[in-house]
Amino acid sequence: MSQGKETSLEFQNLIVKLKGEKKSYSEIAKIVKKLGQLCKQSRNYVMRGNVLNKSQCGRPHKLSDRDSRAIVRKVKKNPKISAPKLADKLQQQVERKYIQKLFV
């Protein structure tokens, strides 16, 4: 599963423009219909002075935290399930060694 999508530059600039027009967060939220993104983007603009997304460093994880917890729950339900069978049950392509790493 993915962590999420980056917010488009036009959307970010719209939030900054509306905030510059002295509109409240609730008024801007009614216009853009994304309250979580609104708070995040305005905070980033105040802290960094721009709306550009920060570049990510390092290699992304093969499994998200959510996927890891799902695997642990499945193993707790059925402790005798093998890693290849568990990998087959997952919706995304995951190698057996990543599942085994969770329990080492």
C-alpha atoms as a PDB file:
ATOM      1  CA  MET A   1       0.000   0.000   0.000  1.00  0.00           C
ATOM      2  CA  SER A   2       1.190   3.482  -0.711  1.00  0.00           C
ATOM      3  CA  GLN A   3       1.746   6.193   1.836  1.00  0.00           C
ATOM      4  CA  GLY A   4      -0.198   8.749  -0.163  1.00  0.00           C
ATOM      5  CA  LYS A   5       0.137  11.091  -3.080  1.00  0.00           C
ATOM      6  CA  GLU A   6       1.968  14.365  -3.247  1.00  0.00           C
ATOM      7  CA  THR A   7      -0.220  17.431  -3.306  1.00  0.00           C
ATOM      8  CA  SER A   8      -0.149  19.275  -6.612  1.00  0.00           C
ATOM      9  CA  LEU A   9       1.656  22.591  -6.808  1.00  0.00           C
ATOM     10  CA  GLU A  10      -1.509  24.373  -7.999  1.00  0.00           C
ATOM     11  CA  PHE A  11      -3.413  23.147  -4.949  1.00  0.00           C
ATOM     12  CA  GLN A  12      -0.631  24.278  -2.620  1.00  0.00           C
ATOM     13  CA  ASN A  13      -0.455  27.707  -4.240  1.00  0.00           C
ATOM     14  CA  LEU A  14      -4.248  28.060  -3.970  1.00  0.00           C
ATOM     15  CA  ILE A  15      -4.078  27.451  -0.216  1.00  0.00           C
ATOM     16  CA  VAL A  16      -1.301  30.019   0.216  1.00  0.00           C
ATOM     17  CA  LYS A  17      -3.176  32.550  -1.929  1.00  0.00           C
ATOM     18  CA  LEU A  18      -6.395  32.136   0.065  1.00  0.00           C
ATOM     19  CA  LYS A  19      -4.493  32.396   3.343  1.00  0.00           C
ATOM     20  CA  GLY A  20      -2.856  35.578   2.025  1.00  0.00           C
ATOM     21  CA  GLU A  21      -6.335  37.003   1.439  1.00  0.00           C
ATOM     22  CA  LYS A  22      -6.909  36.703   5.219  1.00  0.00           C
ATOM     23  CA  LYS A  23      -9.455  33.903   4.914  1.00  0.00           C
ATOM     24  CA  SER A  24      -9.942  31.642   7.914  1.00  0.00           C
ATOM     25  CA  TYR A  25      -9.076  27.947   7.870  1.00  0.00           C
ATOM     26  CA  SER A  26     -12.759  27.002   7.892  1.00  0.00           C
ATOM     27  CA  GLU A  27     -13.463  29.212   4.858  1.00  0.00           C
ATOM     28  CA  ILE A  28     -10.497  27.768   2.979  1.00  0.00           C
ATOM     29  CA  ALA A  29     -11.533  24.221   3.950  1.00  0.00           C
ATOM     30  CA  LYS A  30     -14.983  24.799   2.432  1.00  0.00           C
ATOM     31  CA  ILE A  31     -13.328  25.886  -0.820  1.00  0.00           C
ATOM     32  CA  VAL A  32     -10.655  23.176  -1.116  1.00  0.00           C
ATOM     33  CA  LYS A  33     -12.541  20.415   0.771  1.00  0.00           C
ATOM     34  CA  LYS A  34      -9.354  18.949   2.300  1.00  0.00           C
ATOM     35  CA  LEU A  35      -8.830  20.087   5.870  1.00  0.00           C
ATOM     36  CA  GLY A  36      -5.846  17.845   6.623  1.00  0.00           C
ATOM     37  CA  GLN A  37      -3.940  19.013   3.577  1.00  0.00           C
ATOM     38  CA  LEU A  38      -4.845  22.607   4.354  1.00  0.00           C
ATOM     39  CA  CYS A  39      -3.245  22.518   7.797  1.00  0.00           C
ATOM     40  CA  LYS A  40      -0.182  20.665   6.562  1.00  0.00           C
ATOM     41  CA  GLN A  41       0.437  22.965   3.607  1.00  0.00           C
ATOM     42  CA  SER A  42      -0.055  26.178   5.552  1.00  0.00           C
ATOM     43  CA  ARG A  43       2.283  24.929   8.297  1.00  0.00           C
ATOM     44  CA  ASN A  44       4.934  24.019   5.721  1.00  0.00           C
ATOM     45  CA  TYR A  45       4.624  27.429   4.089  1.00  0.00           C
ATOM     46  CA  VAL A  46       5.084  29.222   7.404  1.00  0.00           C
ATOM     47  CA  MET A  47       8.025  27.030   8.477  1.00  0.00           C
ATOM     48  CA  ARG A  48       9.924  26.808   5.178  1.00  0.00           C
ATOM     49  CA  GLY A  49       8.691  29.828   3.247  1.00  0.00           C
ATOM     50  CA  ASN A  50       7.698  27.786   0.188  1.00  0.00           C
ATOM     51  CA  VAL A  51       5.125  25.189  -0.779  1.00  0.00           C
ATOM     52  CA  LEU A  52       7.439  22.723  -2.490  1.00  0.00           C
ATOM     53  CA  ASN A  53       7.421  19.131  -1.278  1.00  0.00           C
ATOM     54  CA  LYS A  54      10.561  18.018   0.534  1.00  0.00           C
ATOM     55  CA  SER A  55      12.614  15.377  -1.198  1.00  0.00           C
ATOM     56  CA  GLN A  56      12.668  12.026   0.523  1.00  0.00           C
ATOM     57  CA  CYS A  57      15.960  10.502   1.538  1.00  0.00           C
ATOM     58  CA  GLY A  58      16.649   6.811   1.754  1.00  0.00           C
ATOM     59  CA  ARG A  59      14.990   3.794   0.286  1.00  0.00           C
ATOM     60  CA  PRO A  60      11.272   3.333   0.984  1.00  0.00           C
ATOM     61  CA  HIS A  61      10.178   0.378   3.112  1.00  0.00           C
ATOM     62  CA  LYS A  62       8.970  -2.750   1.350  1.00  0.00           C
ATOM     63  CA  LEU A  63       6.074  -3.059   3.800  1.00  0.00           C
ATOM     64  CA  SER A  64       4.180  -0.196   5.349  1.00  0.00           C
ATOM     65  CA  ASP A  65       3.408  -0.192   9.067  1.00  0.00           C
ATOM     66  CA  ARG A  66      -0.183  -1.058   8.240  1.00  0.00           C
ATOM     67  CA  ASP A  67       0.850  -4.083   6.178  1.00  0.00           C
ATOM     68  CA  SER A  68       3.209  -5.245   8.918  1.00  0.00           C
ATOM     69  CA  ARG A  69       0.444  -5.088  11.516  1.00  0.00           C
ATOM     70  CA  ALA A  70      -1.894  -7.001   9.193  1.00  0.00           C
ATOM     71  CA  ILE A  71       0.683  -9.764   8.805  1.00  0.00           C
ATOM     72  CA  VAL A  72       1.187  -9.993  12.565  1.00  0.00           C
ATOM     73  CA  ARG A  73      -2.596 -10.241  13.092  1.00  0.00           C
ATOM     74  CA  LYS A  74      -2.869 -13.057  10.542  1.00  0.00           C
ATOM     75  CA  VAL A  75      -0.041 -14.970  12.192  1.00  0.00           C
ATOM     76  CA  LYS A  76      -1.610 -14.542  15.632  1.00  0.00           C
ATOM     77  CA  LYS A  77      -4.853 -16.008  14.278  1.00  0.00           C
ATOM     78  CA  ASN A  78      -3.078 -18.916  12.602  1.00  0.00           C
ATOM     79  CA  PRO A  79       0.452 -19.467  14.002  1.00  0.00           C
ATOM     80  CA  LYS A  80       1.106 -22.478  11.762  1.00  0.00           C
ATOM     81  CA  ILE A  81       0.768 -20.564   8.489  1.00  0.00           C
ATOM     82  CA  SER A  82       3.955 -20.539   6.423  1.00  0.00           C
ATOM     83  CA  ALA A  83       5.584 -17.410   5.039  1.00  0.00           C
ATOM     84  CA  PRO A  84       5.019 -18.367   1.370  1.00  0.00           C
ATOM     85  CA  LYS A  85       1.311 -18.982   2.006  1.00  0.00           C
ATOM     86  CA  LEU A  86       1.049 -15.694   3.852  1.00  0.00           C
ATOM     87  CA  ALA A  87       2.818 -13.907   0.994  1.00  0.00           C
ATOM     88  CA  ASP A  88       0.307 -15.436  -1.427  1.00  0.00           C
ATOM     89  CA  LYS A  89      -2.624 -14.164   0.656  1.00  0.00           C
ATOM     90  CA  LEU A  90      -1.385 -10.573   0.631  1.00  0.00           C
ATOM     91  CA  GLN A  91      -2.744  -8.357  -2.101  1.00  0.00           C
ATOM     92  CA  GLN A  92       0.631  -6.942  -3.080  1.00  0.00           C
ATOM     93  CA  GLN A  93       3.728  -8.782  -4.192  1.00  0.00           C
ATOM     94  CA  VAL A  94       5.843  -9.388  -1.078  1.00  0.00           C
ATOM     95  CA  GLU A  95       8.784 -11.729  -0.844  1.00  0.00           C
ATOM     96  CA  ARG A  96       8.882 -14.393   1.834  1.00  0.00           C
ATOM     97  CA  LYS A  97      12.039 -12.962   3.442  1.00  0.00           C
ATOM     98  CA  TYR A  98      10.298  -9.672   4.332  1.00  0.00           C
ATOM     99  CA  ILE A  99       7.552 -11.553   6.131  1.00  0.00           C
ATOM    100  CA  GLN A 100      10.133 -13.648   7.978  1.00  0.00           C
ATOM    101  CA  LYS A 101      11.993 -10.479   9.073  1.00  0.00           C
ATOM    102  CA  LEU A 102       8.945  -9.393  11.067  1.00  0.00           C
ATOM    103  CA  PHE A 103       9.259 -12.393  13.368  1.00  0.00           C
ATOM    104  CA  VAL A 104      13.017 -12.617  13.843  1.00  0.00           C
END
